[in-house]
């Protein structure tokens, strides 16, 4: 039996939609940086990492969202990225920094 092309398209769409990571409350206020000077006056609260490797074009957004969610869970507001693969942040240190005006 021959598979219809629309079945494949629907399958891919479902896969992409279910792979998305949503922001936790407060995670939209977490900054992500690769500049050590941005966290010089901050207190480190913990190390974080994403679970898994690059799995598609949405991975950059999902990875950043996952890091932000983990930062909120630790009570931080800035993530200093310590490891990225092909531009996708994978590991970082969460910092609690003074609020800037």
Foldseek 3Di string as FASTA:
>chain_A
DDDDPVVVVVVVVVVVVVVADDADVPLVQAEEEQDPVVCPQWAWQFKDFDPDDDDDDCQQVRRSRVVSNVLVVSVARYWHAPDDDPNRGTMTIGTHDDDDD
